[in-house]
Amino acid sequence: MYGTNNFVLPYGIKASADYFRIALSKLQSCDVFDESDKMNNGPVLGHEEDVGRRTTFRLFYPESIFSDPTHNDPNTTAVLIVFKTQDLRWLLEVMIGRNINTNGFWKKPALNLIYKRHQIRVLDPYITREAAYQLLRFPRMFPKDQKPKHPTTGIIAITLAFHICSEVHLAGFKYTFYNPNGPLHYYGNATMSLMNKNAYHNVTAEQLFLKSIIEKNMVINLTQD
């Protein structure tokens, strides 16, 4: 419907359709909202005052998903962002309890799932493609001497929210480039210098996009200046 068959991963299913078909067949549901509807690896536990107590959707990839059961939330729907065929292979292996092949990942992926099968979804690559090409205006092709740029999980989450929410509020979307030692997240010890070194993201383009949607009142910005 959205031309997803015309693009290869990470923004389509061309040449990977069989992998998607098998992975989706193992999921209990593919609906956006689970019948019992009562993002990355940002923890909620211990940070409730800042981030609240509820996470309806958590976007993840194999290298970022929680494996510590203390972070389990039975009301969360975990949405896999597929960037490579290994991600789909990982999903199959981790769901059926097979030994995980960790080759092809930039970081060791999770070796177990704390979520039940009915909580798992696979994000349509169209959402990521829209974030990259329509919202961030990334080029379709990059020079051979440059690494291709991809949207961050946060921008992908905003794109998904535009499709399923009537109103979108943003919190925490601010990069303090002037302070390389400043915190990157509200958790952990990562600093802004790590994002500045990331060759796969264009944080300048993302900041311009965020500034634009805030100024146009497309979202409500909760982040303090």
Protein backbone atom coordinates (compact mmCIF):
# COMPACT_ATOMS: atom_id res chain seq x y z
CA MET A 1 0.00 0.00 0.00
CA TYR A 2 2.87 2.38 0.81
CA GLY A 3 5.34 1.05 -1.74
CA THR A 4 7.26 -0.89 0.92
CA ASN A 5 7.94 -3.66 -1.59
CA ASN A 6 10.00 -1.23 -3.67
CA PHE A 7 12.68 -0.59 -1.04
CA VAL A 8 15.26 -2.88 0.53
CA LEU A 9 15.97 -2.80 4.25
CA PRO A 10 16.07 -0.75 6.34
CA TYR A 11 13.16 1.15 4.78
CA GLY A 12 11.35 -1.63 2.93
CA ILE A 13 10.92 -5.38 2.63
CA LYS A 14 12.23 -5.94 -0.90
CA ALA A 15 14.42 -9.10 -0.94
CA SER A 16 13.48 -9.70 2.72
CA ALA A 17 9.75 -10.38 2.39
CA ASP A 18 10.11 -14.04 3.39
CA TYR A 19 11.92 -13.07 6.59
CA PHE A 20 9.14 -10.63 7.46
CA ARG A 21 6.45 -13.19 6.61
CA ILE A 22 7.95 -15.86 8.86
CA ALA A 23 8.58 -13.46 11.74
CA LEU A 24 5.06 -12.03 11.58
CA SER A 25 3.56 -15.52 11.46
CA LYS A 26 5.13 -16.25 14.86
CA LEU A 27 3.60 -13.19 16.53
CA GLN A 28 0.34 -13.59 18.41
CA SER A 29 -1.02 -10.30 17.06
CA CYS A 30 -0.09 -7.66 14.51
CA ASP A 31 -2.65 -5.08 15.65
CA VAL A 32 -1.35 -1.68 16.70
CA PHE A 33 -3.31 -1.81 19.95
CA ASP A 34 -3.51 -5.05 21.88
CA GLU A 35 -6.95 -6.33 22.88
CA SER A 36 -5.94 -6.02 26.54
CA ASP A 37 -4.68 -2.47 26.02
CA LYS A 38 -4.88 -1.56 29.65
CA MET A 39 10.45 3.69 23.46
CA ASN A 40 14.99 2.27 22.87
CA ASN A 41 16.01 1.30 26.39
CA GLY A 42 15.11 4.27 28.57
CA PRO A 43 14.18 2.82 31.98
CA VAL A 44 11.02 3.78 33.85
CA LEU A 45 11.84 2.08 37.14
CA GLY A 46 13.44 4.62 39.45
CA HIS A 47 12.67 7.55 37.15
CA GLU A 48 8.91 7.77 37.61
CA GLU A 49 8.98 11.41 38.73
CA ASP A 50 10.55 12.44 35.41
CA VAL A 51 9.07 10.01 32.90
CA GLY A 52 5.85 8.79 34.50
CA ARG A 53 4.81 5.22 35.18
CA ARG A 54 3.32 4.11 31.90
CA THR A 55 4.93 3.13 28.60
CA THR A 56 2.35 2.08 26.01
CA PHE A 57 4.79 1.55 23.14
CA ARG A 58 8.52 0.90 23.44
CA LEU A 59 10.41 0.99 20.14
CA PHE A 60 13.52 -1.17 20.12
CA TYR A 61 16.06 -3.07 18.09
CA PRO A 62 17.85 -6.29 19.18
CA GLU A 63 20.82 -4.37 20.56
CA SER A 64 18.67 -2.10 22.76
CA ILE A 65 15.76 -4.13 24.12
CA PHE A 66 15.59 -4.77 27.86
CA SER A 67 16.58 -8.25 29.05
CA ASP A 68 16.46 -7.49 32.79
CA PRO A 69 13.08 -8.75 34.10
CA THR A 70 12.93 -5.94 36.66
CA HIS A 71 12.08 -3.62 33.75
CA ASN A 72 9.17 -5.76 32.57
CA ASP A 73 5.87 -3.95 32.07
CA PRO A 74 2.99 -6.30 31.15
CA ASN A 75 1.05 -3.40 29.61
CA THR A 76 3.82 -2.32 27.21
CA THR A 77 3.77 -3.17 23.52
CA ALA A 78 7.35 -3.67 22.30
CA VAL A 79 7.81 -2.63 18.66
CA LEU A 80 10.83 -3.93 16.72
CA ILE A 81 12.44 -1.48 14.28
CA VAL A 82 14.02 -3.66 11.59
CA PHE A 83 17.27 -2.37 10.10
CA LYS A 84 18.72 -5.64 8.80
CA THR A 85 17.68 -9.23 8.13
CA GLN A 86 19.62 -10.33 11.22
CA ASP A 87 17.06 -8.43 13.30
CA LEU A 88 14.24 -10.63 12.00
CA ARG A 89 16.35 -13.76 12.45
CA TRP A 90 17.05 -12.68 16.03
CA LEU A 91 13.34 -12.20 16.69
CA LEU A 92 12.57 -15.73 15.51
CA GLU A 93 15.40 -17.26 17.49
CA VAL A 94 14.64 -15.43 20.72
CA MET A 95 10.90 -16.20 20.52
CA ILE A 96 11.37 -19.94 20.05
CA GLY A 97 14.24 -20.23 22.51
CA ARG A 98 16.91 -21.17 19.98
CA ASN A 99 20.58 -20.26 20.45
CA ILE A 100 21.08 -16.68 19.26
CA ASN A 101 23.46 -16.07 16.38
CA THR A 102 25.12 -12.78 17.39
CA ASN A 103 26.98 -12.23 14.11
CA GLY A 104 26.10 -9.07 12.20
CA PHE A 105 25.15 -6.90 15.18
CA TRP A 106 27.00 -3.74 16.18
CA LYS A 107 26.51 -4.69 19.82
CA LYS A 108 25.61 -7.99 21.46
CA PRO A 109 21.83 -8.38 21.15
CA ALA A 110 19.54 -9.50 23.96
CA LEU A 111 19.61 -13.25 24.48
CA ASN A 112 16.16 -13.45 26.04
CA LEU A 113 12.82 -11.65 25.96
CA ILE A 114 11.13 -10.25 29.05
CA TYR A 115 8.01 -9.56 26.97
CA LYS A 116 5.36 -12.14 26.08
CA ARG A 117 4.72 -12.97 22.45
CA HIS A 118 1.41 -11.06 22.42
CA GLN A 119 3.32 -7.88 23.36
CA ILE A 120 5.69 -7.96 20.36
CA ARG A 121 5.10 -6.09 17.09
CA VAL A 122 7.22 -5.33 14.01
CA LEU A 123 7.21 -1.73 12.79
CA ASP A 124 6.25 -1.21 9.15
CA PRO A 125 9.45 0.11 7.47
CA TYR A 126 7.23 2.76 5.88
CA ILE A 127 7.26 4.66 9.19
CA THR A 128 11.07 4.77 9.29
CA ARG A 129 11.22 5.64 5.60
CA GLU A 130 8.81 8.54 6.11
CA ALA A 131 10.93 9.79 9.02
CA ALA A 132 14.08 9.69 6.89
CA TYR A 133 12.87 10.99 3.54
CA GLN A 134 9.78 13.10 4.26
CA LEU A 135 10.45 14.58 7.70
CA LEU A 136 14.26 14.78 7.88
CA ARG A 137 14.71 15.15 4.12
CA PHE A 138 17.64 12.74 3.95
CA PRO A 139 18.93 11.98 0.45
CA ARG A 140 18.04 8.62 -1.07
CA MET A 141 21.70 7.96 -1.85
CA PHE A 142 24.85 8.91 0.06
CA PRO A 143 28.38 9.24 -1.36
CA LYS A 144 30.46 6.08 -1.07
CA ASP A 145 32.83 7.77 1.36
CA GLN A 146 29.97 8.60 3.77
CA LYS A 147 27.98 6.35 6.05
CA PRO A 148 24.24 6.56 5.34
CA LYS A 149 22.28 8.56 7.89
CA HIS A 150 19.24 7.10 9.64
CA PRO A 151 16.65 8.64 11.98
CA THR A 152 17.12 8.12 15.70
CA THR A 153 14.62 5.96 17.55
CA GLY A 154 13.12 9.14 19.01
CA ILE A 155 12.34 10.62 15.60
CA ILE A 156 10.90 7.30 14.44
CA ALA A 157 8.69 7.27 17.54
CA ILE A 158 7.44 10.79 16.76
CA THR A 159 6.62 9.69 13.21
CA LEU A 160 4.66 6.71 14.53
CA ALA A 161 2.86 8.99 16.99
CA PHE A 162 1.78 11.28 14.14
CA HIS A 163 0.02 8.28 12.60
CA ILE A 164 -1.76 6.90 15.66
CA CYS A 165 -2.24 9.84 18.06
CA SER A 166 -4.56 12.84 17.89
CA GLU A 167 -2.14 14.95 19.96
CA VAL A 168 1.60 14.57 20.49
CA HIS A 169 3.59 15.89 23.45
CA LEU A 170 7.39 15.84 23.45
CA ALA A 171 9.71 15.63 26.44
CA GLY A 172 13.48 15.32 26.54
CA PHE A 173 14.21 16.01 22.88
CA LYS A 174 17.08 18.41 23.33
CA TYR A 175 20.75 18.07 22.41
CA THR A 176 23.15 20.42 24.24
CA PHE A 177 25.95 20.53 21.67
CA TYR A 178 27.71 23.35 23.53
CA ASN A 179 28.35 20.97 26.45
CA PRO A 180 29.98 17.74 25.21
CA ASN A 181 30.15 16.45 28.78
CA GLY A 182 26.45 17.05 29.40
CA PRO A 183 24.14 14.05 29.84
CA LEU A 184 22.74 12.47 26.68
CA HIS A 185 19.86 10.75 28.49
CA TYR A 186 18.07 11.11 31.79
CA TYR A 187 19.62 7.76 32.75
CA GLY A 188 23.11 6.26 32.57
CA ASN A 189 26.44 8.02 32.06
CA ALA A 190 26.42 8.64 28.30
CA THR A 191 27.40 12.19 27.34
CA MET A 192 26.69 14.43 24.36
CA SER A 193 30.13 13.66 22.97
CA LEU A 194 28.86 10.17 22.11
CA MET A 195 26.10 11.56 19.91
CA ASN A 196 28.48 13.99 18.25
CA LYS A 197 30.65 11.03 17.21
CA ASN A 198 27.75 8.97 15.85
CA ALA A 199 28.24 8.67 12.10
CA TYR A 200 24.78 7.17 11.46
CA HIS A 201 22.66 10.07 12.74
CA ASN A 202 22.32 13.68 11.66
CA VAL A 203 21.38 15.38 14.91
CA THR A 204 21.52 18.83 13.29
CA ALA A 205 18.80 17.83 10.84
CA GLU A 206 16.79 16.34 13.69
CA GLN A 207 17.07 19.52 15.77
CA LEU A 208 15.88 21.62 12.83
CA PHE A 209 12.95 19.26 12.33
CA LEU A 210 12.01 19.38 16.02
CA LYS A 211 12.28 23.18 16.04
CA SER A 212 10.00 23.33 13.01
CA ILE A 213 7.21 21.12 14.36
CA ILE A 214 7.30 22.95 17.72
CA GLU A 215 7.09 26.38 16.08
CA LYS A 216 4.23 25.20 13.85
CA ASN A 217 2.36 23.87 16.92
CA MET A 218 2.28 20.38 15.45
CA VAL A 219 3.38 19.10 18.85
CA ILE A 220 3.34 20.35 22.43
CA ASN A 221 6.86 20.72 23.78
CA LEU A 222 7.23 19.86 27.47
CA THR A 223 11.01 20.27 27.58
CA GLN A 224 12.27 23.23 29.56
CA ASP A 225 14.64 25.60 27.74
